[in-house]
Every structure is written in C-alpha cells, then in structure tokens.
C-alpha cells in the first residue's frame, strides 16, 4: 500500500528571505545618479600584489537599480544581486547605509533658510 504524502506549503514571507540569503551583497559609494532610476556604485576591494606583496585597492563599478531615486552622489549604499533589469543592470539598491556629508550640510542649510 502506498502512502499519500501531502506537500507542506511554505509561507510566502519565508521565500524572499531564503532567496536573499543566496544573493550576493556588496557595499559601495555612489559615483553617479544622473540616469533615471539608476545609480553607479563603486565597490573597492583590497588585492595583494604578487610581486611586491603589498595590498592595492582595486575598484569595480556597478549599475544599480534605484526605484525611488533616493541615493545621492557620495552616499554609502548596500546593494544586492537581482534579476537582469536591463543590459547592464544586475544589482538593486537595498538600503542607504550612510548619507554623504555634503548632502547633510546642504540639507541643514536648507532647513535654516
């Protein structure tokens, strides 16, 4: 006699968290926000030079989807890997870690005026 096993359903809230664990996360600085819903983020990493055994900073630029156009130049942002959105965009803005100091000063001046 064969047993009938019911398939247990997972909650829909648990699926995005599981999917986010599999995605890559990076942190970088916004270098450009001139496109609509797109920012360019520079991510720095340290690589050991083979000849001189000295650590050198290398950087990579990523085009990141910013749905609300929140990020400004100089902001430190966390980005997450996503499905392809366009030819070059494979990353999405997760959160703004720290606002740039220039933007904070401009915002404070605007409030006082």
Protein backbone atom coordinates (compact mmCIF):
# COMPACT_ATOMS: atom_id res chain seq x y z
CA UNK A 1 0.00 0.00 0.00
CA UNK A 2 1.39 3.40 -1.00
CA UNK A 3 1.35 6.25 1.42
CA UNK A 4 -0.07 9.57 0.33
CA UNK A 5 2.19 12.33 1.49
CA UNK A 6 0.89 15.88 1.48
CA UNK A 7 3.27 18.51 0.33
CA UNK A 8 3.77 21.14 3.02
CA UNK A 9 3.38 24.68 1.83
CA UNK A 10 5.90 27.27 2.83
CA UNK A 11 4.74 30.72 3.79
CA UNK A 12 5.24 33.36 1.15
CA UNK A 13 7.03 35.58 3.67
CA UNK A 14 9.77 32.98 4.16
CA UNK A 15 10.62 32.66 0.46
CA UNK A 16 12.08 36.14 -0.10
CA UNK A 17 14.33 35.80 2.96
CA UNK A 18 15.62 32.44 1.72
CA UNK A 19 16.21 33.89 -1.73
CA UNK A 20 18.03 36.91 -0.28
CA UNK A 21 20.48 34.65 1.55
CA UNK A 22 21.58 33.18 -1.78
CA UNK A 23 22.17 36.57 -3.39
CA UNK A 24 25.42 38.49 -3.21
CA UNK A 25 25.58 41.63 -1.07
CA UNK A 26 28.06 44.47 -1.62
CA UNK A 27 28.69 47.89 -0.11
CA UNK A 28 29.99 50.85 -2.09
CA UNK A 29 29.90 54.58 -2.77
CA UNK A 30 27.55 56.25 -5.26
CA UNK A 31 29.56 57.97 -8.01
CA UNK A 32 26.73 59.00 -10.34
CA UNK A 33 22.95 59.43 -10.15
CA UNK A 34 22.28 61.20 -13.47
CA UNK A 35 20.19 58.39 -15.00
CA UNK A 36 16.53 57.72 -14.30
CA UNK A 37 16.14 55.02 -11.61
CA UNK A 38 19.82 54.07 -11.98
CA UNK A 39 22.89 54.85 -9.92
CA UNK A 40 26.52 53.92 -10.46
CA UNK A 41 28.20 52.42 -7.38
CA UNK A 42 31.96 51.99 -6.94
CA UNK A 43 32.91 48.97 -4.83
CA UNK A 44 36.50 48.86 -3.57
CA UNK A 45 38.40 45.72 -2.62
CA UNK A 46 41.95 45.07 -1.47
CA UNK A 47 44.13 42.73 -3.52
CA UNK A 48 47.61 41.59 -2.56
CA UNK A 49 50.19 42.42 -5.23
CA UNK A 50 52.06 39.28 -6.28
CA UNK A 51 55.41 40.96 -6.88
CA UNK A 52 55.61 43.45 -4.02
CA UNK A 53 53.29 41.63 -1.52
CA UNK A 54 51.62 44.97 -0.84
CA UNK A 55 47.87 45.46 -0.67
CA UNK A 56 46.47 47.54 -3.53
CA UNK A 57 42.94 48.96 -3.77
CA UNK A 58 41.01 47.83 -6.85
CA UNK A 59 37.54 49.08 -7.69
CA UNK A 60 34.61 47.93 -9.80
CA UNK A 61 31.64 50.00 -10.97
CA UNK A 62 28.14 48.54 -10.90
CA UNK A 63 24.96 49.99 -12.36
CA UNK A 64 22.30 49.66 -9.68
CA UNK A 65 18.51 49.98 -9.89
CA UNK A 66 17.22 52.76 -7.59
CA UNK A 67 13.42 52.73 -7.87
CA UNK A 68 12.77 55.91 -5.83
CA UNK A 69 15.88 57.89 -6.88
CA UNK A 70 16.84 58.22 -3.18
CA UNK A 71 20.63 57.85 -3.40
CA UNK A 72 22.82 60.90 -3.99
CA UNK A 73 26.46 61.19 -5.00
CA UNK A 74 28.77 60.27 -2.11
CA UNK A 75 26.24 58.11 -0.22
CA UNK A 76 27.43 54.75 1.07
CA UNK A 77 24.88 52.14 -0.06
CA UNK A 78 24.26 48.42 0.31
CA UNK A 79 23.36 46.66 -2.94
CA UNK A 80 22.00 43.19 -3.63
CA UNK A 81 22.20 40.97 -6.68
CA UNK A 82 18.94 40.81 -8.67
CA UNK A 83 17.49 39.55 -11.91
CA UNK A 84 18.66 41.33 -15.07
CA UNK A 85 16.77 44.63 -15.28
CA UNK A 86 18.49 45.97 -18.41
CA UNK A 87 21.62 45.28 -20.45
CA UNK A 88 23.97 46.43 -17.69
CA UNK A 89 21.83 46.46 -14.52
CA UNK A 90 22.07 43.27 -12.42
CA UNK A 91 22.01 44.91 -8.98
CA UNK A 92 19.35 46.66 -6.89
CA UNK A 93 19.62 49.20 -4.08
CA UNK A 94 18.97 47.50 -0.75
CA UNK A 95 19.44 50.44 1.63
CA UNK A 96 21.38 53.64 2.14
CA UNK A 97 23.93 52.93 4.87
CA UNK A 98 25.19 56.50 5.32
CA UNK A 99 24.34 59.80 3.66
CA UNK A 100 27.18 61.87 2.23
CA UNK A 101 28.47 64.72 4.38
CA UNK A 102 27.97 67.25 1.58
CA UNK A 103 24.30 66.33 1.32
CA UNK A 104 23.91 66.58 5.11
CA UNK A 105 25.39 70.10 5.10
CA UNK A 106 23.16 71.17 2.20
CA UNK A 107 20.12 69.73 3.96
CA UNK A 108 20.97 71.59 7.19
CA UNK A 109 21.44 74.87 5.29
CA UNK A 110 18.10 74.45 3.53
CA UNK A 111 16.32 73.98 6.87
CA UNK A 112 17.84 77.11 8.42
CA UNK A 113 16.99 79.37 5.45
